[in-house]
C-alpha atoms as a PDB file:
ATOM      1  CA  MET A   1      22.220 -48.635 -78.700  1.00  0.00           C
ATOM      2  CA  LEU A   2      21.005 -51.788 -76.937  1.00  0.00           C
ATOM      3  CA  THR A   3      23.394 -54.687 -77.575  1.00  0.00           C
ATOM      4  CA  ASP A   4      22.156 -58.232 -78.084  1.00  0.00           C
ATOM      5  CA  GLU A   5      23.819 -59.318 -74.845  1.00  0.00           C
ATOM      6  CA  LEU A   6      22.172 -56.515 -72.862  1.00  0.00           C
ATOM      7  CA  GLN A   7      18.863 -57.294 -74.490  1.00  0.00           C
ATOM      8  CA  LYS A   8      19.106 -60.923 -73.389  1.00  0.00           C
ATOM      9  CA  LYS A   9      20.178 -59.889 -69.900  1.00  0.00           C
ATOM     10  CA  LEU A  10      17.236 -57.518 -69.490  1.00  0.00           C
ATOM     11  CA  ALA A  11      14.858 -60.149 -70.830  1.00  0.00           C
ATOM     12  CA  ARG A  12      16.120 -62.625 -68.231  1.00  0.00           C
ATOM     13  CA  GLN A  13      15.703 -60.012 -65.492  1.00  0.00           C
ATOM     14  CA  ILE A  14      12.207 -59.216 -66.678  1.00  0.00           C
ATOM     15  CA  ASP A  15      11.136 -62.839 -66.485  1.00  0.00           C
ATOM     16  CA  SER A  16      13.484 -65.456 -65.058  1.00  0.00           C
ATOM     17  CA  LYS A  17      10.686 -68.009 -65.062  1.00  0.00           C
ATOM     18  CA  LEU A  18       9.358 -67.186 -68.483  1.00  0.00           C
ATOM     19  CA  LEU A  19       6.037 -68.926 -69.131  1.00  0.00           C
ATOM     20  CA  GLU A  20       6.418 -71.616 -66.451  1.00  0.00           C
ATOM     21  CA  LYS A  21       3.028 -70.515 -65.152  1.00  0.00           C
ATOM     22  CA  ASP A  22       1.513 -70.078 -68.613  1.00  0.00           C
ATOM     23  CA  ARG A  23      -2.195 -70.948 -68.508  1.00  0.00           C
ATOM     24  CA  GLU A  24      -2.672 -71.318 -72.230  1.00  0.00           C
ATOM     25  CA  ARG A  25      -4.330 -74.695 -72.710  1.00  0.00           C
ATOM     26  CA  LYS A  26      -3.215 -74.995 -76.323  1.00  0.00           C
ATOM     27  CA  SER A  27       0.504 -74.661 -75.695  1.00  0.00           C
ATOM     28  CA  GLU A  28       1.215 -78.381 -75.887  1.00  0.00           C
ATOM     29  CA  LYS A  29      -0.749 -78.774 -79.106  1.00  0.00           C
ATOM     30  CA  ASP A  30       1.083 -75.865 -80.691  1.00  0.00           C
ATOM     31  CA  GLY A  31       4.501 -77.328 -79.879  1.00  0.00           C
ATOM     32  CA  PHE A  32       5.295 -74.498 -77.459  1.00  0.00           C
ATOM     33  CA  ASN A  33       8.906 -73.333 -77.522  1.00  0.00           C
ATOM     34  CA  LYS A  34      10.128 -71.151 -74.653  1.00  0.00           C
ATOM     35  CA  ASN A  35      13.111 -69.688 -76.494  1.00  0.00           C
ATOM     36  CA  LYS A  36      11.007 -68.873 -79.539  1.00  0.00           C
ATOM     37  CA  THR A  37       8.498 -67.064 -77.307  1.00  0.00           C
ATOM     38  CA  LEU A  38      11.262 -65.031 -75.683  1.00  0.00           C
ATOM     39  CA  ASP A  39      12.429 -63.906 -79.119  1.00  0.00           C
ATOM     40  CA  GLU A  40       8.855 -63.093 -80.211  1.00  0.00           C
ATOM     41  CA  VAL A  41       8.029 -61.052 -77.106  1.00  0.00           C
ATOM     42  CA  PHE A  42      11.218 -59.331 -75.990  1.00  0.00           C
ATOM     43  CA  ASP A  43      12.657 -57.762 -79.099  1.00  0.00           C
ATOM     44  CA  LYS A  44      14.893 -54.744 -78.525  1.00  0.00           C
ATOM     45  CA  SER A  45      12.090 -52.197 -78.718  1.00  0.00           C
ATOM     46  CA  THR A  46       9.799 -54.070 -76.311  1.00  0.00           C
ATOM     47  CA  THR A  47      12.628 -54.700 -73.853  1.00  0.00           C
ATOM     48  CA  MET A  48      13.386 -50.981 -73.768  1.00  0.00           C
ATOM     49  CA  ILE A  49       9.696 -50.152 -73.256  1.00  0.00           C
ATOM     50  CA  VAL A  50       9.434 -52.501 -70.272  1.00  0.00           C
ATOM     51  CA  SER A  51      12.656 -51.064 -68.852  1.00  0.00           C
ATOM     52  CA  GLY A  52      11.166 -47.589 -69.298  1.00  0.00           C
ATOM     53  CA  LEU A  53       8.041 -48.618 -67.401  1.00  0.00           C
ATOM     54  CA  LYS A  54      10.266 -49.764 -64.550  1.00  0.00           C
ATOM     55  CA  ASN A  55      12.280 -46.544 -64.608  1.00  0.00           C
ATOM     56  CA  SER A  56       9.047 -44.524 -64.592  1.00  0.00           C
ATOM     57  CA  LYS A  57       7.905 -46.516 -61.541  1.00  0.00           C
ATOM     58  CA  ILE A  58       4.763 -47.718 -63.261  1.00  0.00           C
ATOM     59  CA  ILE A  59       5.898 -51.277 -62.588  1.00  0.00           C
ATOM     60  CA  SER A  60       8.538 -52.582 -60.201  1.00  0.00           C
ATOM     61  CA  TYR A  61       9.126 -56.021 -61.661  1.00  0.00           C
ATOM     62  CA  VAL A  62       7.559 -58.775 -63.731  1.00  0.00           C
ATOM     63  CA  ASN A  63       7.096 -62.211 -62.204  1.00  0.00           C
ATOM     64  CA  GLY A  64       6.114 -64.400 -65.126  1.00  0.00           C
ATOM     65  CA  ALA A  65       3.639 -65.191 -67.850  1.00  0.00           C
ATOM     66  CA  VAL A  66       0.007 -65.933 -67.026  1.00  0.00           C
ATOM     67  CA  GLY A  67      -1.528 -66.018 -70.479  1.00  0.00           C
ATOM     68  CA  SER A  68      -0.503 -66.781 -74.030  1.00  0.00           C
ATOM     69  CA  GLY A  69      -2.224 -66.196 -77.336  1.00  0.00           C
ATOM     70  CA  LYS A  70      -1.322 -66.045 -81.007  1.00  0.00           C
ATOM     71  CA  GLU A  71      -1.073 -62.254 -80.958  1.00  0.00           C
ATOM     72  CA  SER A  72       0.023 -61.418 -77.415  1.00  0.00           C
ATOM     73  CA  LYS A  73       1.485 -62.648 -74.148  1.00  0.00           C
ATOM     74  CA  THR A  74       0.232 -61.497 -70.758  1.00  0.00           C
ATOM     75  CA  TYR A  75       2.488 -61.216 -67.709  1.00  0.00           C
ATOM     76  CA  TRP A  76       1.879 -60.707 -64.004  1.00  0.00           C
ATOM     77  CA  ALA A  77       3.651 -57.529 -62.925  1.00  0.00           C
ATOM     78  CA  VAL A  78       3.816 -55.733 -59.577  1.00  0.00           C
ATOM     79  CA  GLY A  79       3.553 -51.984 -59.087  1.00  0.00           C
ATOM     80  CA  PRO A  80       5.525 -49.765 -56.673  1.00  0.00           C
ATOM     81  CA  SER A  81       2.816 -50.040 -54.025  1.00  0.00           C
ATOM     82  CA  GLY A  82       2.707 -53.818 -54.291  1.00  0.00           C
ATOM     83  CA  ASN A  83      -0.417 -53.796 -56.451  1.00  0.00           C
ATOM     84  CA  ASP A  84      -0.872 -56.555 -59.008  1.00  0.00           C
ATOM     85  CA  LEU A  85      -0.753 -55.470 -62.642  1.00  0.00           C
ATOM     86  CA  ALA A  86      -1.166 -57.224 -65.972  1.00  0.00           C
ATOM     87  CA  LEU A  87       1.341 -56.523 -68.718  1.00  0.00           C
ATOM     88  CA  LYS A  88      -0.059 -57.399 -72.136  1.00  0.00           C
ATOM     89  CA  ILE A  89       2.621 -57.451 -74.819  1.00  0.00           C
ATOM     90  CA  TYR A  90       1.474 -57.641 -78.434  1.00  0.00           C
ATOM     91  CA  LEU A  91       3.801 -59.696 -80.610  1.00  0.00           C
ATOM     92  CA  VAL A  92       5.441 -57.641 -83.313  1.00  0.00           C
ATOM     93  CA  ALA A  93       6.764 -60.802 -84.984  1.00  0.00           C
ATOM     94  CA  THR A  94       3.306 -62.261 -85.609  1.00  0.00           C
ATOM     95  CA  SER A  95       1.499 -61.967 -88.931  1.00  0.00           C
ATOM     96  CA  ASN A  96      -1.972 -62.628 -87.516  1.00  0.00           C
ATOM     97  CA  PHE A  97      -2.699 -58.914 -87.229  1.00  0.00           C
ATOM     98  CA  LYS A  98      -3.118 -58.722 -90.989  1.00  0.00           C
ATOM     99  CA  LYS A  99      -6.429 -60.520 -90.473  1.00  0.00           C
ATOM    100  CA  ARG A 100      -7.585 -57.719 -88.183  1.00  0.00           C
ATOM    101  CA  TYR A 101      -8.156 -55.075 -90.853  1.00  0.00           C
ATOM    102  CA  PRO A 102     -11.974 -55.603 -90.838  1.00  0.00           C
ATOM    103  CA  TYR A 103     -12.020 -54.546 -87.164  1.00  0.00           C
ATOM    104  CA  LEU A 104     -10.049 -51.381 -87.884  1.00  0.00           C
ATOM    105  CA  LEU A 105     -11.316 -50.248 -91.272  1.00  0.00           C
ATOM    106  CA  GLY A 106     -14.716 -48.659 -90.841  1.00  0.00           C
ATOM    107  CA  ASP A 107     -14.220 -47.694 -87.208  1.00  0.00           C
ATOM    108  CA  PRO A 108     -14.538 -43.873 -87.229  1.00  0.00           C
ATOM    109  CA  ARG A 109     -12.040 -43.575 -84.360  1.00  0.00           C
ATOM    110  CA  PHE A 110      -9.248 -45.078 -86.444  1.00  0.00           C
ATOM    111  CA  THR A 111      -9.201 -43.495 -89.876  1.00  0.00           C
ATOM    112  CA  LYS A 112      -5.470 -43.716 -90.587  1.00  0.00           C
ATOM    113  CA  VAL A 113      -4.360 -47.317 -90.960  1.00  0.00           C
ATOM    114  CA  ARG A 114      -0.870 -47.413 -92.473  1.00  0.00           C
ATOM    115  CA  LYS A 115       0.776 -50.509 -93.844  1.00  0.00           C
ATOM    116  CA  GLY A 116       3.526 -52.287 -91.944  1.00  0.00           C
ATOM    117  CA  THR A 117       3.321 -54.963 -89.264  1.00  0.00           C
ATOM    118  CA  ARG A 118       4.768 -52.878 -86.418  1.00  0.00           C
ATOM    119  CA  HIS A 119       2.431 -49.964 -87.069  1.00  0.00           C
ATOM    120  CA  LEU A 120      -0.559 -52.310 -87.267  1.00  0.00           C
ATOM    121  CA  VAL A 121       0.401 -54.040 -84.013  1.00  0.00           C
ATOM    122  CA  GLU A 122       0.841 -50.734 -82.197  1.00  0.00           C
ATOM    123  CA  LEU A 123      -2.445 -49.409 -83.586  1.00  0.00           C
ATOM    124  CA  TRP A 124      -4.177 -52.576 -82.367  1.00  0.00           C
ATOM    125  CA  ALA A 125      -2.692 -52.061 -78.901  1.00  0.00           C
ATOM    126  CA  GLN A 126      -3.868 -48.434 -78.879  1.00  0.00           C
ATOM    127  CA  LYS A 127      -7.298 -49.596 -79.989  1.00  0.00           C
ATOM    128  CA  GLU A 128      -7.571 -52.068 -77.116  1.00  0.00           C
ATOM    129  CA  PHE A 129      -6.469 -49.403 -74.621  1.00  0.00           C
ATOM    130  CA  ALA A 130      -9.043 -46.963 -76.027  1.00  0.00           C
ATOM    131  CA  ASN A 131     -11.785 -49.615 -75.869  1.00  0.00           C
ATOM    132  CA  LEU A 132     -10.801 -50.647 -72.358  1.00  0.00           C
ATOM    133  CA  SER A 133     -10.814 -47.017 -71.188  1.00  0.00           C
ATOM    134  CA  GLN A 134     -14.206 -46.453 -72.793  1.00  0.00           C
ATOM    135  CA  CYS A 135     -15.604 -49.527 -71.039  1.00  0.00           C
ATOM    136  CA  TYR A 136     -14.100 -48.705 -67.662  1.00  0.00           C
ATOM    137  CA  GLU A 137     -15.468 -45.153 -67.770  1.00  0.00           C
ATOM    138  CA  SER A 138     -18.899 -46.541 -68.698  1.00  0.00           C
ATOM    139  CA  GLY A 139     -18.986 -48.881 -65.714  1.00  0.00           C
ATOM    140  CA  ILE A 140     -18.477 -52.094 -67.670  1.00  0.00           C
ATOM    141  CA  PRO A 141     -16.874 -54.784 -65.450  1.00  0.00           C
ATOM    142  CA  CYS A 142     -13.340 -54.892 -66.838  1.00  0.00           C
ATOM    143  CA  ALA A 143      -9.735 -54.350 -65.755  1.00  0.00           C
ATOM    144  CA  LYS A 144      -8.759 -50.737 -65.047  1.00  0.00           C
ATOM    145  CA  PRO A 145      -6.432 -49.495 -67.812  1.00  0.00           C
ATOM    146  CA  ILE A 146      -3.170 -47.906 -66.615  1.00  0.00           C
ATOM    147  CA  THR A 147      -1.154 -46.928 -69.685  1.00  0.00           C
ATOM    148  CA  ILE A 148      -0.168 -47.931 -73.196  1.00  0.00           C
ATOM    149  CA  VAL A 149       3.335 -47.593 -74.670  1.00  0.00           C
ATOM    150  CA  ARG A 150       3.495 -48.698 -78.278  1.00  0.00           C
ATOM    151  CA  ASN A 151       2.863 -52.491 -78.128  1.00  0.00           C
ATOM    152  CA  VAL A 152       2.798 -52.806 -74.314  1.00  0.00           C
ATOM    153  CA  LEU A 153      -0.492 -52.381 -72.414  1.00  0.00           C
ATOM    154  CA  VAL A 154      -0.559 -52.077 -68.610  1.00  0.00           C
ATOM    155  CA  MET A 155      -3.776 -52.674 -66.658  1.00  0.00           C
ATOM    156  CA  ASP A 156      -5.002 -53.946 -63.316  1.00  0.00           C
ATOM    157  CA  PHE A 157      -4.599 -57.670 -62.730  1.00  0.00           C
ATOM    158  CA  VAL A 158      -7.862 -59.617 -62.409  1.00  0.00           C
ATOM    159  CA  GLY A 159      -6.884 -62.190 -59.815  1.00  0.00           C
ATOM    160  CA  LYS A 160      -4.700 -62.608 -56.730  1.00  0.00           C
ATOM    161  CA  ASN A 161      -0.983 -63.214 -56.258  1.00  0.00           C
ATOM    162  CA  GLY A 162      -0.371 -63.843 -59.927  1.00  0.00           C
ATOM    163  CA  VAL A 163      -3.234 -66.311 -60.325  1.00  0.00           C
ATOM    164  CA  PRO A 164      -5.925 -65.024 -62.708  1.00  0.00           C
ATOM    165  CA  GLU A 165      -9.576 -65.511 -61.878  1.00  0.00           C
ATOM    166  CA  PRO A 166     -11.053 -68.583 -63.597  1.00  0.00           C
ATOM    167  CA  LEU A 167     -12.485 -68.213 -67.066  1.00  0.00           C
ATOM    168  CA  LEU A 168     -16.231 -68.648 -67.448  1.00  0.00           C
ATOM    169  CA  VAL A 169     -15.616 -71.816 -69.463  1.00  0.00           C
ATOM    170  CA  GLU A 170     -13.701 -73.288 -66.510  1.00  0.00           C
ATOM    171  CA  THR A 171     -16.571 -72.889 -64.041  1.00  0.00           C
ATOM    172  CA  GLU A 172     -20.040 -74.166 -63.257  1.00  0.00           C
ATOM    173  CA  VAL A 173     -22.596 -71.715 -64.624  1.00  0.00           C
ATOM    174  CA  ASN A 174     -26.157 -70.748 -63.821  1.00  0.00           C
ATOM    175  CA  TYR A 175     -28.911 -68.541 -65.199  1.00  0.00           C
ATOM    176  CA  GLU A 176     -27.573 -65.547 -63.276  1.00  0.00           C
ATOM    177  CA  ASP A 177     -24.313 -65.854 -65.218  1.00  0.00           C
ATOM    178  CA  TYR A 178     -26.270 -65.840 -68.472  1.00  0.00           C
ATOM    179  CA  GLU A 179     -28.183 -62.709 -67.468  1.00  0.00           C
ATOM    180  CA  ASN A 180     -24.938 -61.087 -66.361  1.00  0.00           C
ATOM    181  CA  ALA A 181     -23.323 -61.853 -69.724  1.00  0.00           C
ATOM    182  CA  ILE A 182     -26.247 -60.421 -71.703  1.00  0.00           C
ATOM    183  CA  THR A 183     -26.281 -57.327 -69.482  1.00  0.00           C
ATOM    184  CA  ILE A 184     -22.590 -56.766 -70.275  1.00  0.00           C
ATOM    185  CA  ILE A 185     -23.281 -56.988 -74.020  1.00  0.00           C
ATOM    186  CA  ASP A 186     -26.221 -54.588 -73.600  1.00  0.00           C
ATOM    187  CA  ASP A 187     -24.193 -52.091 -71.561  1.00  0.00           C
ATOM    188  CA  LEU A 188     -21.309 -52.313 -74.006  1.00  0.00           C
ATOM    189  CA  TYR A 189     -23.628 -51.377 -76.836  1.00  0.00           C
ATOM    190  CA  ASN A 190     -25.825 -48.763 -75.145  1.00  0.00           C
ATOM    191  CA  LYS A 191     -23.454 -47.241 -72.586  1.00  0.00           C
ATOM    192  CA  ALA A 192     -19.921 -47.672 -73.937  1.00  0.00           C
ATOM    193  CA  LYS A 193     -21.152 -47.535 -77.560  1.00  0.00           C
ATOM    194  CA  LEU A 194     -19.079 -50.598 -78.431  1.00  0.00           C
ATOM    195  CA  VAL A 195     -19.537 -54.127 -79.695  1.00  0.00           C
ATOM    196  CA  HIS A 196     -17.047 -56.583 -78.223  1.00  0.00           C
ATOM    197  CA  ALA A 197     -16.858 -58.621 -81.462  1.00  0.00           C
ATOM    198  CA  ASP A 198     -15.112 -61.535 -79.714  1.00  0.00           C
ATOM    199  CA  PHE A 199     -17.437 -62.153 -76.780  1.00  0.00           C
ATOM    200  CA  SER A 200     -17.176 -65.731 -75.552  1.00  0.00           C
ATOM    201  CA  GLU A 201     -16.716 -67.926 -72.510  1.00  0.00           C
ATOM    202  CA  TYR A 202     -12.949 -67.679 -73.108  1.00  0.00           C
ATOM    203  CA  ASN A 203     -12.849 -63.886 -72.770  1.00  0.00           C
ATOM    204  CA  ILE A 204     -14.783 -63.620 -69.510  1.00  0.00           C
ATOM    205  CA  PHE A 205     -13.503 -64.082 -65.961  1.00  0.00           C
ATOM    206  CA  LYS A 206     -15.906 -65.360 -63.324  1.00  0.00           C
ATOM    207  CA  THR A 207     -15.168 -63.661 -60.000  1.00  0.00           C
ATOM    208  CA  GLU A 208     -16.863 -63.542 -56.616  1.00  0.00           C
ATOM    209  CA  LYS A 209     -18.362 -60.187 -57.603  1.00  0.00           C
ATOM    210  CA  GLY A 210     -19.599 -61.359 -60.983  1.00  0.00           C
ATOM    211  CA  LEU A 211     -18.370 -61.621 -64.553  1.00  0.00           C
ATOM    212  CA  VAL A 212     -15.467 -59.505 -65.823  1.00  0.00           C
ATOM    213  CA  VAL A 213     -14.922 -59.211 -69.556  1.00  0.00           C
ATOM    214  CA  PHE A 214     -11.539 -58.760 -71.224  1.00  0.00           C
ATOM    215  CA  ASP A 215      -9.722 -58.842 -74.573  1.00  0.00           C
ATOM    216  CA  PHE A 216     -11.138 -55.734 -76.249  1.00  0.00           C
ATOM    217  CA  GLY A 217      -8.795 -55.618 -79.236  1.00  0.00           C
ATOM    218  CA  SER A 218     -11.516 -56.609 -81.704  1.00  0.00           C
ATOM    219  CA  SER A 219     -14.169 -54.309 -80.208  1.00  0.00           C
ATOM    220  CA  VAL A 220     -15.634 -51.766 -82.606  1.00  0.00           C
ATOM    221  CA  ASP A 221     -17.596 -48.554 -82.328  1.00  0.00           C
ATOM    222  CA  THR A 222     -21.360 -49.009 -82.782  1.00  0.00           C
ATOM    223  CA  ARG A 223     -21.041 -46.820 -85.898  1.00  0.00           C
ATOM    224  CA  HIS A 224     -18.846 -49.454 -87.562  1.00  0.00           C
ATOM    225  CA  PRO A 225     -20.593 -50.808 -90.704  1.00  0.00           C
ATOM    226  CA  ASN A 226     -20.351 -54.380 -89.361  1.00  0.00           C
ATOM    227  CA  ALA A 227     -21.369 -53.543 -85.772  1.00  0.00           C
ATOM    228  CA  ALA A 228     -24.789 -55.199 -86.041  1.00  0.00           C
ATOM    229  CA  GLU A 229     -23.254 -58.345 -87.546  1.00  0.00           C
ATOM    230  CA  PHE A 230     -20.639 -58.541 -84.779  1.00  0.00           C
ATOM    231  CA  LEU A 231     -23.296 -57.954 -82.117  1.00  0.00           C
ATOM    232  CA  GLU A 232     -25.435 -60.772 -83.476  1.00  0.00           C
ATOM    233  CA  ARG A 233     -22.419 -63.086 -83.518  1.00  0.00           C
ATOM    234  CA  ASP A 234     -21.518 -62.222 -79.898  1.00  0.00           C
ATOM    235  CA  ILE A 235     -25.038 -62.960 -78.689  1.00  0.00           C
ATOM    236  CA  LYS A 236     -25.321 -66.215 -80.636  1.00  0.00           C
ATOM    237  CA  ASN A 237     -21.906 -67.429 -79.440  1.00  0.00           C
ATOM    238  CA  ILE A 238     -22.543 -66.829 -75.747  1.00  0.00           C
ATOM    239  CA  THR A 239     -26.086 -68.221 -76.047  1.00  0.00           C
ATOM    240  CA  LYS A 240     -24.719 -71.386 -77.622  1.00  0.00           C
ATOM    241  CA  PHE A 241     -22.324 -71.797 -74.691  1.00  0.00           C
ATOM    242  CA  PHE A 242     -25.056 -71.563 -72.059  1.00  0.00           C
ATOM    243  CA  VAL A 243     -27.385 -73.855 -74.008  1.00  0.00           C
ATOM    244  CA  LYS A 244     -24.605 -76.459 -74.186  1.00  0.00           C
ATOM    245  CA  ARG A 245     -24.373 -76.196 -70.405  1.00  0.00           C
ATOM    246  CA  GLY A 246     -28.034 -77.157 -70.151  1.00  0.00           C
ATOM    247  CA  LEU A 247     -29.653 -73.766 -69.555  1.00  0.00           C
ATOM    248  CA  THR A 248     -32.881 -72.582 -71.119  1.00  0.00           C
ATOM    249  CA  VAL A 249     -32.278 -69.033 -72.306  1.00  0.00           C
ATOM    250  CA  THR A 250     -33.854 -66.283 -74.393  1.00  0.00           C
ATOM    251  CA  ASN A 251     -33.887 -66.591 -78.172  1.00  0.00           C
ATOM    252  CA  PRO A 252     -30.879 -64.658 -79.562  1.00  0.00           C
ATOM    253  CA  SER A 253     -33.042 -62.742 -82.054  1.00  0.00           C
ATOM    254  CA  ASP A 254     -35.175 -61.388 -79.182  1.00  0.00           C
ATOM    255  CA  VAL A 255     -32.044 -60.345 -77.282  1.00  0.00           C
ATOM    256  CA  ILE A 256     -30.686 -58.551 -80.362  1.00  0.00           C
ATOM    257  CA  LYS A 257     -33.945 -56.642 -80.860  1.00  0.00           C
ATOM    258  CA  ARG A 258     -34.024 -55.616 -77.210  1.00  0.00           C
ATOM    259  CA  ILE A 259     -30.446 -54.380 -77.192  1.00  0.00           C
ATOM    260  CA  MET A 260     -30.694 -52.476 -80.465  1.00  0.00           C
ATOM    261  CA  LYS A 261     -34.264 -51.297 -79.787  1.00  0.00           C
END
């Protein structure tokens, strides 16, 4: 059995500079507390999972946090061959997942949704891995999924040397970016058979090779009863962003009709 002292020791080894490089812009507003975050992320179960990933040589070590959200923390890890990896750890302690039932119920791929926070968190992690795999196999620009172990998702790191690529909202944009974004939504729907359901300038990296979408936890199968509603919301949200940036773009209703054709 893992003792509290060993748990703390492993947590320190996993991330001696916990969240010093955190890029979450809201951390100051939220009254960010490093010790609280450590407790939320590295509970005994999660610590053992990360240790298991190291023992299995999927990762060699974890450098530090690069992203923080209400439901997960993302860390920059390094693989045995020196390749950069992203370690997304879903917070078991959070209660926000209870609001995610609408994105699970009705999705034909996930018919058994049991009660209990830990089960819901792990199901959400499995859902994101399944969505990410579906997108990657369909040629959608996204991070390559590596593995999922309960509430810990491992995937390729989108960036260099622990520095993530800039978010779309952090960059200058042009009409090509708009077309690229709409193409991603179209391909998600018609190739991967998914609706992102949280598509925005905050969930898109802008790289030298083009846009790369991430955060697929909310994504639903196109057979989901609310798929059309989520698709419309995605298109309207991203259109609003580009219009605010001064671009003249296609009417969202026309885009929706074209995609759903």
